[in-house]
Amino acid sequence: MSTSPIGVTGYGVHLPVWRVQRKDIGSALGASGGRGTRAVAGYDEDSTSMGVEAGLPALAGAAAPAGLVFATATPAYADKTNAAIVHAALALDQSVPAWDFAGASRSGMGALSAAADAAAAGRPTLAVLSDIRTGLPGSAEERDGGDGASAVLFGSGDGVVAELIGRGSASAEFLDRWRVPGETASKVWEERFAEGIYRELALDAVDAALKDAGLTRADLDRVGVAGLHRRAVGVVTKTLAADAAVIDDLASAVGATGTAQPGILLASALDDAAPGETILIVQLGDGADAVVLRTTAALATYRDARTSPGVTEQIGYGRTIGYQRFLTWRGFLRRETPRRPDPDRPAAPPSSRNSQWKFGLAGSRCTECGTRHMPAIRVCRSCKAVDRMERERIAGERGTIATYQADLLAYTLSPPLIGAAIDFDGGGRLMCEITDADAAALKIGDPVEMTFRRFYTTSDGVHNYFWKARPARGAVAATKEA
């Protein structure tokens, strides 16, 4: 068992670039949609791909974890480990176990707790939390929900940026929210019924966490409350806010992101906190869980070294889409598919043989002449050397657009399909799709970065994952209309 401080050694967040204006929801349905926006996963994103996007910055510059846990209430697969796909895309060693925590939003805090326990036992572990919140058209879930992912790496030693000093939980069985397998949207009991129950459970969990930490509420500097029951979140936040600053739950800009939300709130707090601050994160869902962390002097150094955008920056990258497109991506508005043959089903044997390329985006570099090849090959195209190659991962590199075209005839759920040749800063050229982009705004020479996406899903339920390019974040207008 480790005697060093246990806590957060890395973290990351992924907020999809797309937003739906709540007023557009209300306008389309003849009702009040409320104010602000909600984050929307792109047509080529799911909980697995978003988890990869959050995991990449969490691992940047860190030693490889000894374990991976992936939590989501909206898994892309059942009877198949979604964490294994995240594992492959993050290029983790084969010896690193990967497990799913799935079924309910509370699994997010469960994954964080499991990762912390593993780190305390000497096994640094990455917890990846991801969720896509979908409600029926016109529902409160549709309006108030949001999509996103977060990742928190737990470890020990001098690299800890926030030490875990207290935990508490309170569980109870009561009917608040449920969704049977196969349904796309949750059902919710009348909100007033669960509001008081959640308040009592949350305060019990908070008191237990503070007792574990040897603190009182007056010692807290920042408090964040996550949960899908919006009234209960408000009541608990108000109760705790008398003693600490409130961490914005991002309800007005992003929405309630379910499983991912406790990690997003923690990341938001760590983006702004000074060393020595005490942070409380609470999650409501079939009970309540609370964690208390204290930031360390290493936090400032960690933030200075980061190259990935923080939570506030990612909110600023948001781009608006129409409500009809949102419904199409969610499958509620059935539209004619492109009049082209359906794409081929990805076959299991070649996918397995080429997993380092398909999931990890690892090419090869010739050790004789330095030429990089994508995908990896045995014979160098430049010097013809045979089997003189080293594997090299491209996923974290930026590139530039050498040339591109927008194709209105190719198969895609969000036409046009933008195909491009990308030249990478480290050498090599890749032909790939560009996503999260406006074809009219692209230019040759624009910077891009790679992002893990779901290309399509076949009729028998096979998801085809690979990497696409997207405009480098910060290089697009913040509120440009899609």
Protein backbone atom coordinates (compact mmCIF):
# COMPACT_ATOMS: atom_id res chain seq x y z
CA MET A 1 0.00 0.00 0.00
CA SER A 2 1.27 3.45 -0.91
CA THR A 3 1.96 5.95 1.90
CA SER A 4 2.40 8.88 -0.51
CA PRO A 5 -0.44 11.34 -1.10
CA ILE A 6 -3.14 9.82 -3.31
CA GLY A 7 -5.03 11.98 -5.72
CA VAL A 8 -5.38 13.48 -9.17
CA THR A 9 -2.23 13.45 -11.32
CA GLY A 10 -3.92 14.37 -14.61
CA TYR A 11 -7.31 15.31 -16.01
CA GLY A 12 -9.05 16.10 -19.27
CA VAL A 13 -12.44 17.15 -20.61
CA HIS A 14 -14.17 16.88 -23.97
CA LEU A 15 -17.15 19.09 -24.74
CA PRO A 16 -18.56 18.60 -28.24
CA VAL A 17 -18.33 21.69 -30.42
CA TRP A 18 -22.03 21.63 -31.35
CA ARG A 19 -24.76 23.50 -29.44
CA VAL A 20 -28.55 23.72 -29.74
CA GLN A 21 -30.23 26.92 -28.62
CA ARG A 22 -32.97 26.07 -26.14
CA LYS A 23 -35.16 28.79 -27.59
CA ASP A 24 -35.03 26.93 -30.93
CA ILE A 25 -36.37 23.81 -29.22
CA GLY A 26 -39.26 25.80 -27.81
CA SER A 27 -39.92 27.57 -31.11
CA ALA A 28 -40.08 24.30 -33.04
CA LEU A 29 -42.46 22.67 -30.57
CA GLY A 30 -44.59 25.69 -29.68
CA ALA A 31 -43.45 25.78 -26.06
CA SER A 32 -40.96 27.52 -23.83
CA GLY A 33 -37.54 26.03 -24.38
CA GLY A 34 -35.72 28.06 -21.76
CA ARG A 35 -32.51 30.02 -22.02
CA GLY A 36 -29.00 29.14 -23.03
CA THR A 37 -27.71 26.15 -24.97
CA ARG A 38 -27.05 22.46 -24.55
CA ALA A 39 -23.99 20.58 -25.81
CA VAL A 40 -24.68 18.08 -28.57
CA ALA A 41 -22.46 15.17 -29.60
CA GLY A 42 -21.77 15.21 -33.32
CA TYR A 43 -23.29 12.68 -35.69
CA ASP A 44 -19.96 10.82 -35.58
CA GLU A 45 -19.53 10.89 -31.80
CA ASP A 46 -20.72 8.51 -29.12
CA SER A 47 -19.86 7.94 -25.47
CA THR A 48 -16.82 5.84 -26.41
CA SER A 49 -15.28 8.31 -28.86
CA MET A 50 -15.86 11.21 -26.48
CA GLY A 51 -14.20 9.23 -23.70
CA VAL A 52 -11.10 8.86 -25.85
CA GLU A 53 -11.06 12.61 -26.45
CA ALA A 54 -11.13 13.28 -22.70
CA GLY A 55 -8.55 10.60 -21.95
CA LEU A 56 -5.90 11.94 -24.33
CA PRO A 57 -5.17 15.19 -22.42
CA ALA A 58 -5.44 13.39 -19.08
CA LEU A 59 -2.54 11.14 -20.09
CA ALA A 60 -0.46 13.83 -21.80
CA GLY A 61 2.98 13.86 -20.19
CA ALA A 62 1.98 11.24 -17.61
CA ALA A 63 3.30 7.76 -17.02
CA ALA A 64 1.08 5.07 -18.48
CA PRO A 65 -1.66 3.97 -16.06
CA ALA A 66 -1.87 0.47 -14.65
CA GLY A 67 -5.65 0.34 -15.09
CA LEU A 68 -8.57 1.88 -16.99
CA VAL A 69 -12.21 2.16 -15.92
CA PHE A 70 -14.83 3.58 -18.29
CA ALA A 71 -18.18 4.79 -16.98
CA THR A 72 -21.26 5.68 -19.02
CA ALA A 73 -25.03 5.41 -18.80
CA THR A 74 -25.22 5.31 -22.62
CA PRO A 75 -22.80 2.60 -23.78
CA ALA A 76 -22.23 2.16 -27.49
CA TYR A 77 -22.13 -1.61 -27.02
CA ALA A 78 -23.70 -4.15 -24.69
CA ASP A 79 -22.04 -7.57 -24.28
CA LYS A 80 -18.81 -5.97 -25.47
CA THR A 81 -16.37 -3.99 -23.35
CA ASN A 82 -16.42 -0.38 -24.49
CA ALA A 83 -13.40 0.31 -22.29
CA ALA A 84 -11.37 -1.97 -24.57
CA ILE A 85 -11.92 0.46 -27.46
CA VAL A 86 -10.86 3.40 -25.27
CA HIS A 87 -7.84 1.33 -24.20
CA ALA A 88 -6.82 0.72 -27.82
CA ALA A 89 -7.34 4.33 -28.90
CA LEU A 90 -5.22 5.57 -25.99
CA ALA A 91 -2.50 3.07 -27.00
CA LEU A 92 -2.27 1.51 -23.55
CA ASP A 93 -0.17 -1.59 -22.99
CA GLN A 94 -1.87 -4.95 -23.38
CA SER A 95 -1.22 -5.71 -19.70
CA VAL A 96 -3.43 -2.79 -18.58
CA PRO A 97 -6.92 -4.04 -17.63
CA ALA A 98 -9.97 -2.18 -18.95
CA TRP A 99 -13.40 -2.38 -17.34
CA ASP A 100 -16.83 -0.87 -17.96
CA PHE A 101 -18.97 0.82 -15.29
CA ALA A 102 -22.30 1.16 -17.06
CA GLY A 103 -26.03 1.52 -16.56
CA ALA A 104 -26.60 4.68 -14.49
CA SER A 105 -25.21 8.16 -14.09
CA ARG A 106 -23.95 7.30 -10.59
CA SER A 107 -21.40 4.99 -12.21
CA GLY A 108 -19.28 8.09 -12.90
CA MET A 109 -18.53 8.64 -9.25
CA GLY A 110 -18.16 4.89 -8.83
CA ALA A 111 -15.42 4.85 -11.47
CA LEU A 112 -13.62 7.75 -9.77
CA SER A 113 -13.76 5.93 -6.45
CA ALA A 114 -12.50 2.67 -7.98
CA ALA A 115 -9.61 4.49 -9.66
CA ALA A 116 -8.67 6.16 -6.38
CA ASP A 117 -8.75 2.81 -4.55
CA ALA A 118 -6.51 1.27 -7.21
CA ALA A 119 -4.05 4.18 -6.94
CA ALA A 120 -3.95 3.72 -3.15
CA ALA A 121 -2.98 0.10 -3.78
CA GLY A 122 -0.08 1.24 -5.97
CA ARG A 123 -1.78 0.96 -9.36
CA PRO A 124 -2.31 4.38 -11.01
CA THR A 125 -5.65 4.21 -12.80
CA LEU A 126 -7.47 6.35 -15.34
CA ALA A 127 -11.21 6.90 -14.84
CA VAL A 128 -13.01 7.96 -18.04
CA LEU A 129 -16.57 9.26 -17.69
CA SER A 130 -18.80 9.91 -20.70
CA ASP A 131 -22.48 10.39 -21.43
CA ILE A 132 -24.95 11.37 -24.15
CA ARG A 133 -28.22 12.62 -22.65
CA THR A 134 -31.20 12.08 -24.93
CA GLY A 135 -34.80 12.86 -24.06
CA LEU A 136 -37.94 12.67 -26.12
CA PRO A 137 -38.63 15.81 -28.18
CA GLY A 138 -40.03 18.50 -25.93
CA SER A 139 -38.97 16.80 -22.70
CA ALA A 140 -37.07 18.37 -19.82
CA GLU A 141 -34.29 15.86 -20.41
CA GLU A 142 -33.85 17.06 -23.97
CA ARG A 143 -33.80 20.69 -22.87
CA ASP A 144 -31.68 20.39 -19.72
CA GLY A 145 -29.36 17.52 -20.64
CA GLY A 146 -25.99 17.80 -22.31
CA ASP A 147 -23.29 15.62 -23.82
CA GLY A 148 -19.67 15.45 -22.72
CA ALA A 149 -16.82 13.44 -21.26
CA SER A 150 -14.16 13.77 -18.61
CA ALA A 151 -11.14 11.77 -17.51
CA VAL A 152 -9.25 11.77 -14.21
CA LEU A 153 -5.94 10.00 -13.64
CA PHE A 154 -5.34 8.93 -10.04
CA GLY A 155 -1.87 8.25 -8.75
CA SER A 156 0.51 9.09 -5.93
CA GLY A 157 3.68 11.01 -5.22
CA ASP A 158 4.94 14.46 -6.17
CA GLY A 159 2.78 14.59 -9.31
CA VAL A 160 -0.49 14.79 -7.35
CA VAL A 161 -2.19 18.11 -8.19
CA ALA A 162 -5.20 17.52 -5.91
CA GLU A 163 -4.94 15.15 -2.97
CA LEU A 164 -8.00 13.03 -2.16
CA ILE A 165 -8.61 13.60 1.55
CA GLY A 166 -12.20 12.48 2.16
CA ARG A 167 -15.06 10.41 0.74
CA GLY A 168 -18.64 9.77 1.78
CA SER A 169 -21.73 8.06 0.35
CA ALA A 170 -25.40 7.56 1.14
CA SER A 171 -27.52 5.06 -0.79
CA ALA A 172 -31.28 4.48 -0.82
CA GLU A 173 -33.74 2.74 -3.11
CA PHE A 174 -36.45 5.03 -4.48
CA LEU A 175 -37.98 5.49 -7.91
CA ASP A 176 -36.67 8.71 -9.45
CA ARG A 177 -35.37 7.99 -12.97
CA TRP A 178 -35.36 4.80 -15.02
CA ARG A 179 -34.91 3.50 -18.56
CA VAL A 180 -35.42 -0.09 -19.66
CA PRO A 181 -32.96 -1.65 -22.12
CA GLY A 182 -33.70 -0.63 -25.69
CA GLU A 183 -35.35 2.68 -24.81
CA THR A 184 -33.71 5.90 -26.00
CA ALA A 185 -35.02 8.19 -23.28
CA SER A 186 -35.44 8.04 -19.50
CA LYS A 187 -38.70 8.29 -17.61
CA VAL A 188 -38.84 10.48 -14.52
CA TRP A 189 -41.12 10.48 -11.48
CA GLU A 190 -42.69 13.73 -10.29
CA GLU A 191 -39.74 15.90 -9.23
CA ARG A 192 -41.01 17.02 -5.84
CA PHE A 193 -41.04 13.43 -4.62
CA ALA A 194 -37.25 12.96 -4.89
CA GLU A 195 -36.17 16.51 -4.07
CA GLY A 196 -36.27 16.14 -0.30
CA ILE A 197 -34.83 12.62 -0.40
CA TYR A 198 -31.82 13.81 -2.38
CA ARG A 199 -31.22 16.72 -0.03
CA GLU A 200 -31.03 14.47 3.02
CA LEU A 201 -28.86 11.88 1.30
CA ALA A 202 -26.51 14.55 -0.06
CA LEU A 203 -26.01 16.15 3.33
CA ASP A 204 -25.33 12.76 4.90
CA ALA A 205 -22.73 11.99 2.19
CA VAL A 206 -21.11 15.42 2.56
CA ASP A 207 -20.93 15.15 6.34
CA ALA A 208 -19.33 11.70 6.02
CA ALA A 209 -16.76 12.99 3.52
CA LEU A 210 -15.91 15.99 5.70
CA LYS A 211 -15.56 13.75 8.77
CA ASP A 212 -13.25 11.48 6.76
CA ALA A 213 -11.18 14.55 5.83
CA GLY A 214 -11.23 16.01 9.35
CA LEU A 215 -12.91 19.21 8.10
CA THR A 216 -16.13 21.18 8.48
CA ARG A 217 -18.20 22.97 5.85
CA ALA A 218 -16.52 26.22 6.83
CA ASP A 219 -13.21 24.77 5.56
CA LEU A 220 -14.47 24.35 1.99
CA ASP A 221 -13.31 26.75 -0.73
CA ARG A 222 -15.25 25.40 -3.74
CA VAL A 223 -18.37 23.24 -4.00
CA GLY A 224 -19.81 21.58 -7.10
CA VAL A 225 -23.01 19.52 -7.26
CA ALA A 226 -23.74 17.21 -10.21
CA GLY A 227 -26.99 15.44 -11.00
CA LEU A 228 -29.84 15.03 -13.45
CA HIS A 229 -32.51 16.03 -10.91
CA ARG A 230 -32.20 19.77 -11.46
CA ARG A 231 -34.39 20.86 -8.53
CA ALA A 232 -32.44 18.70 -6.09
CA VAL A 233 -29.13 20.00 -7.47
CA GLY A 234 -30.32 23.55 -6.86
CA VAL A 235 -31.46 22.85 -3.31
CA VAL A 236 -28.25 21.03 -2.32
CA THR A 237 -26.08 23.71 -3.95
CA LYS A 238 -27.92 26.47 -2.10
CA THR A 239 -27.49 24.64 1.20
CA LEU A 240 -23.74 24.21 0.75
CA ALA A 241 -23.05 27.57 -0.93
CA ALA A 242 -23.15 29.50 2.34
CA ASP A 243 -19.68 28.24 3.19
CA ALA A 244 -17.91 28.10 -0.20
CA ALA A 245 -17.79 29.39 -3.76
CA VAL A 246 -20.04 27.47 -6.14
CA ILE A 247 -18.47 25.67 -9.09
CA ASP A 248 -20.64 26.51 -12.11
CA ASP A 249 -22.49 23.33 -13.12
CA LEU A 250 -22.53 24.67 -16.72
CA ALA A 251 -26.30 24.17 -16.97
CA SER A 252 -26.80 27.28 -19.10
CA ALA A 253 -24.06 26.58 -21.65
CA VAL A 254 -23.63 22.79 -21.70
CA GLY A 255 -26.44 21.14 -19.71
CA ALA A 256 -26.41 18.30 -17.20
CA THR A 257 -23.97 15.73 -18.57
CA GLY A 258 -24.98 12.82 -16.34
CA THR A 259 -22.19 10.29 -15.84
CA ALA A 260 -19.51 12.72 -17.01
CA GLN A 261 -20.57 15.67 -14.86
CA PRO A 262 -18.60 15.09 -11.61
CA GLY A 263 -15.38 14.84 -13.62
CA ILE A 264 -16.23 17.96 -15.63
CA LEU A 265 -16.96 19.95 -12.46
CA LEU A 266 -13.71 18.76 -10.90
CA ALA A 267 -11.76 19.75 -14.02
CA SER A 268 -13.43 23.15 -14.06
CA ALA A 269 -12.45 23.71 -10.43
CA LEU A 270 -8.86 22.60 -11.03
CA ASP A 271 -8.61 24.94 -14.03
CA ASP A 272 -9.11 27.91 -11.69
CA ALA A 273 -8.07 26.84 -8.19
CA ALA A 274 -4.99 28.02 -6.37
CA PRO A 275 -2.75 25.63 -4.39
CA GLY A 276 -4.09 24.80 -0.95
CA GLU A 277 -7.79 25.10 -1.82
CA THR A 278 -10.30 22.52 -0.62
CA ILE A 279 -12.80 21.26 -3.21
CA LEU A 280 -16.01 19.30 -2.61
CA ILE A 281 -17.69 17.44 -5.50
CA VAL A 282 -21.13 15.87 -4.93
CA GLN A 283 -23.09 13.66 -7.31
CA LEU A 284 -26.80 12.89 -6.93
CA GLY A 285 -28.25 9.72 -8.41
CA ASP A 286 -29.98 6.87 -6.57
CA GLY A 287 -28.28 8.26 -3.51
CA ALA A 288 -25.39 10.67 -3.15
CA ASP A 289 -21.60 10.53 -3.23
CA ALA A 290 -19.13 13.17 -2.11
CA VAL A 291 -15.37 13.57 -2.46
CA VAL A 292 -13.11 16.17 -0.88
CA LEU A 293 -9.79 17.13 -2.46
CA ARG A 294 -7.08 19.64 -1.57
CA THR A 295 -5.01 21.20 -4.35
CA THR A 296 -1.22 21.11 -4.10
CA ALA A 297 1.68 23.28 -5.24
CA ALA A 298 2.07 20.99 -8.26
CA LEU A 299 -1.20 22.26 -9.77
CA ALA A 300 0.23 25.52 -11.12
CA THR A 301 3.15 23.72 -12.76
CA TYR A 302 0.77 21.16 -14.27
CA ARG A 303 -1.47 23.84 -15.77
CA ASP A 304 1.50 25.73 -17.21
CA ALA A 305 2.64 22.57 -19.02
CA ARG A 306 -0.78 21.70 -20.48
CA THR A 307 -1.45 22.29 -24.15
CA SER A 308 -5.08 21.13 -24.23
CA PRO A 309 -7.92 23.65 -23.81
CA GLY A 310 -9.66 23.96 -20.46
CA VAL A 311 -13.37 23.80 -19.76
CA THR A 312 -14.01 27.52 -20.28
CA GLU A 313 -12.09 27.50 -23.58
CA GLN A 314 -14.06 24.53 -24.89
CA ILE A 315 -17.33 26.25 -24.03
CA GLY A 316 -16.12 29.19 -26.11
CA TYR A 317 -15.60 26.96 -29.16
CA GLY A 318 -19.34 26.17 -29.32
CA ARG A 319 -21.07 26.39 -32.72
CA THR A 320 -24.83 26.42 -33.17
CA ILE A 321 -26.79 23.83 -35.16
CA GLY A 322 -30.50 23.82 -35.90
CA TYR A 323 -32.95 21.77 -33.88
CA GLN A 324 -33.86 19.69 -36.95
CA ARG A 325 -30.27 18.59 -37.41
CA PHE A 326 -30.09 17.67 -33.73
CA LEU A 327 -33.21 15.49 -34.09
CA THR A 328 -31.72 13.85 -37.19
CA TRP A 329 -28.49 12.99 -35.41
CA ARG A 330 -30.45 11.58 -32.49
CA GLY A 331 -32.62 9.43 -34.75
CA PHE A 332 -35.92 11.15 -33.93
CA LEU A 333 -36.25 12.73 -37.37
CA ARG A 334 -36.00 10.03 -39.99
CA ARG A 335 -34.67 11.45 -43.23
CA GLU A 336 -33.78 9.84 -46.52
CA THR A 337 -30.30 8.38 -46.46
CA PRO A 338 -27.85 9.16 -49.27
CA ARG A 339 -28.73 7.28 -52.45
CA ARG A 340 -25.50 5.37 -52.42
CA PRO A 341 -24.60 1.80 -51.45
CA ASP A 342 -24.32 1.31 -47.72
CA PRO A 343 -20.73 1.32 -46.48
CA ASP A 344 -19.08 -2.05 -46.00
CA ARG A 345 -19.12 -3.67 -42.59
CA PRO A 346 -15.67 -3.56 -40.95
CA ALA A 347 -14.38 -7.11 -40.65
CA ALA A 348 -13.08 -8.37 -37.31
CA PRO A 349 -9.85 -10.14 -38.46
CA PRO A 350 -8.23 -7.18 -40.31
CA SER A 351 -9.42 -4.78 -37.60
CA SER A 352 -7.64 -6.93 -35.02
CA ARG A 353 -4.46 -7.26 -37.09
CA ASN A 354 -4.29 -3.51 -37.67
CA SER A 355 -5.55 -2.30 -34.30
CA GLN A 356 -2.46 -0.16 -33.69
CA TRP A 357 -3.37 1.83 -36.79
CA LYS A 358 -7.16 1.68 -36.70
CA PHE A 359 -7.52 2.58 -33.03
CA GLY A 360 -4.11 3.91 -31.95
CA LEU A 361 -3.23 5.82 -35.16
CA ALA A 362 0.33 4.53 -35.09
CA GLY A 363 2.33 4.65 -38.33
CA SER A 364 5.96 3.73 -38.91
CA ARG A 365 9.18 5.69 -39.44
CA CYS A 366 12.09 4.32 -41.43
CA THR A 367 15.21 4.13 -39.28
CA GLU A 368 17.41 4.39 -42.38
CA CYS A 369 16.11 7.59 -44.02
CA GLY A 370 13.55 8.98 -41.54
CA THR A 371 10.52 8.78 -43.84
CA ARG A 372 7.23 8.34 -42.01
CA HIS A 373 4.50 6.09 -43.39
CA MET A 374 0.77 6.08 -42.64
CA PRO A 375 -0.31 3.34 -42.17
CA ALA A 376 2.73 1.36 -41.12
CA ILE A 377 4.48 -0.65 -43.84
CA ARG A 378 7.50 -2.96 -44.02
CA VAL A 379 9.26 -1.53 -47.10
CA CYS A 380 10.20 2.17 -47.09
CA ARG A 381 8.79 4.06 -50.05
CA SER A 382 11.79 6.37 -50.13
CA CYS A 383 14.92 4.27 -49.58
CA LYS A 384 13.38 0.79 -50.07
CA ALA A 385 14.83 -0.49 -46.79
CA VAL A 386 13.04 -3.63 -45.57
CA ASP A 387 11.88 -4.10 -41.97
CA ARG A 388 13.76 -1.03 -40.77
CA MET A 389 10.75 0.58 -39.17
CA GLU A 390 9.79 1.92 -35.75
CA ARG A 391 6.18 2.39 -34.68
CA GLU A 392 5.24 6.03 -34.17
CA ARG A 393 1.96 7.43 -32.84
CA ILE A 394 0.45 10.36 -34.73
CA ALA A 395 -2.70 10.98 -32.64
CA GLY A 396 -1.36 13.87 -30.58
CA GLU A 397 0.24 15.79 -33.46
CA ARG A 398 -1.07 18.74 -35.41
CA GLY A 399 -1.01 18.97 -39.16
CA THR A 400 -2.06 21.30 -41.95
CA ILE A 401 -4.49 20.91 -44.83
CA ALA A 402 -2.57 20.27 -48.05
CA THR A 403 -5.73 19.99 -50.15
CA TYR A 404 -9.39 19.14 -49.61
CA GLN A 405 -12.77 18.75 -51.29
CA ALA A 406 -16.39 18.80 -50.16
CA ASP A 407 -18.34 15.86 -51.61
CA LEU A 408 -22.14 16.06 -51.67
CA LEU A 409 -22.50 12.60 -53.21
CA ALA A 410 -20.53 10.49 -50.72
CA TYR A 411 -22.27 8.57 -47.94
CA THR A 412 -22.50 10.64 -44.74
CA LEU A 413 -25.16 11.53 -42.18
CA SER A 414 -24.05 15.16 -42.27
CA PRO A 415 -23.28 16.21 -45.84
CA PRO A 416 -21.04 17.30 -47.35
CA LEU A 417 -18.29 14.81 -46.62
CA ILE A 418 -15.02 16.74 -46.48
CA GLY A 419 -12.02 14.71 -47.62
CA ALA A 420 -8.53 16.10 -47.20
CA ALA A 421 -4.82 15.39 -47.47
CA ILE A 422 -3.16 16.31 -44.17
CA ASP A 423 0.57 17.00 -43.85
CA PHE A 424 1.84 16.45 -40.31
CA ASP A 425 4.38 18.57 -38.50
CA GLY A 426 6.41 15.43 -37.78
CA GLY A 427 6.32 14.31 -41.40
CA GLY A 428 3.99 12.13 -43.41
CA ARG A 429 0.70 12.66 -45.21
CA LEU A 430 -2.70 11.16 -44.42
CA MET A 431 -5.87 11.07 -46.51
CA CYS A 432 -8.82 11.38 -44.14
CA GLU A 433 -12.13 13.09 -43.40
CA ILE A 434 -12.48 16.44 -41.70
CA THR A 435 -15.22 16.79 -39.10
CA ASP A 436 -16.65 19.62 -36.94
CA ALA A 437 -15.98 21.97 -39.84
CA ASP A 438 -17.69 24.34 -42.26
CA ALA A 439 -16.46 23.48 -45.77
CA ALA A 440 -16.92 27.08 -46.92
CA ALA A 441 -14.63 28.36 -44.16
CA LEU A 442 -11.74 25.92 -44.68
CA LYS A 443 -8.53 26.97 -46.40
CA ILE A 444 -5.41 25.16 -47.55
CA GLY A 445 -2.81 25.57 -44.84
CA ASP A 446 -5.32 25.59 -41.97
CA PRO A 447 -4.08 23.77 -38.85
CA VAL A 448 -5.89 20.58 -37.84
CA GLU A 449 -5.68 17.99 -35.08
CA MET A 450 -6.76 14.37 -35.01
CA THR A 451 -9.93 13.22 -33.25
CA PHE A 452 -11.28 9.70 -32.64
CA ARG A 453 -14.74 9.23 -34.18
CA ARG A 454 -17.38 6.67 -35.11
CA PHE A 455 -17.61 6.68 -38.91
CA TYR A 456 -20.90 4.79 -39.11
CA THR A 457 -22.86 1.91 -37.65
CA THR A 458 -23.81 -1.01 -39.85
CA SER A 459 -27.28 -2.56 -40.02
CA ASP A 460 -26.19 -5.38 -37.69
CA GLY A 461 -24.84 -2.96 -35.07
CA VAL A 462 -21.10 -2.87 -35.74
CA HIS A 463 -19.56 0.54 -35.02
CA ASN A 464 -16.71 1.50 -37.33
CA TYR A 465 -14.25 3.70 -35.42
CA PHE A 466 -11.27 5.55 -36.85
CA TRP A 467 -9.62 8.97 -36.72
CA LYS A 468 -10.65 12.16 -38.48
CA ALA A 469 -9.10 15.61 -38.62
CA ARG A 470 -10.82 18.66 -37.16
CA PRO A 471 -9.93 22.35 -37.26
CA ALA A 472 -7.44 23.03 -34.50
CA ARG A 473 -9.41 24.28 -31.52
CA GLY A 474 -9.08 28.00 -31.23
CA ALA A 475 -8.79 28.39 -35.01
CA VAL A 476 -12.55 28.58 -35.62
CA ALA A 477 -14.99 31.34 -34.78
CA ALA A 478 -16.61 30.75 -31.42
CA THR A 479 -20.24 31.18 -32.41
CA LYS A 480 -20.19 30.60 -36.15
CA GLU A 481 -23.48 29.23 -37.45
CA ALA A 482 -23.10 25.72 -38.87
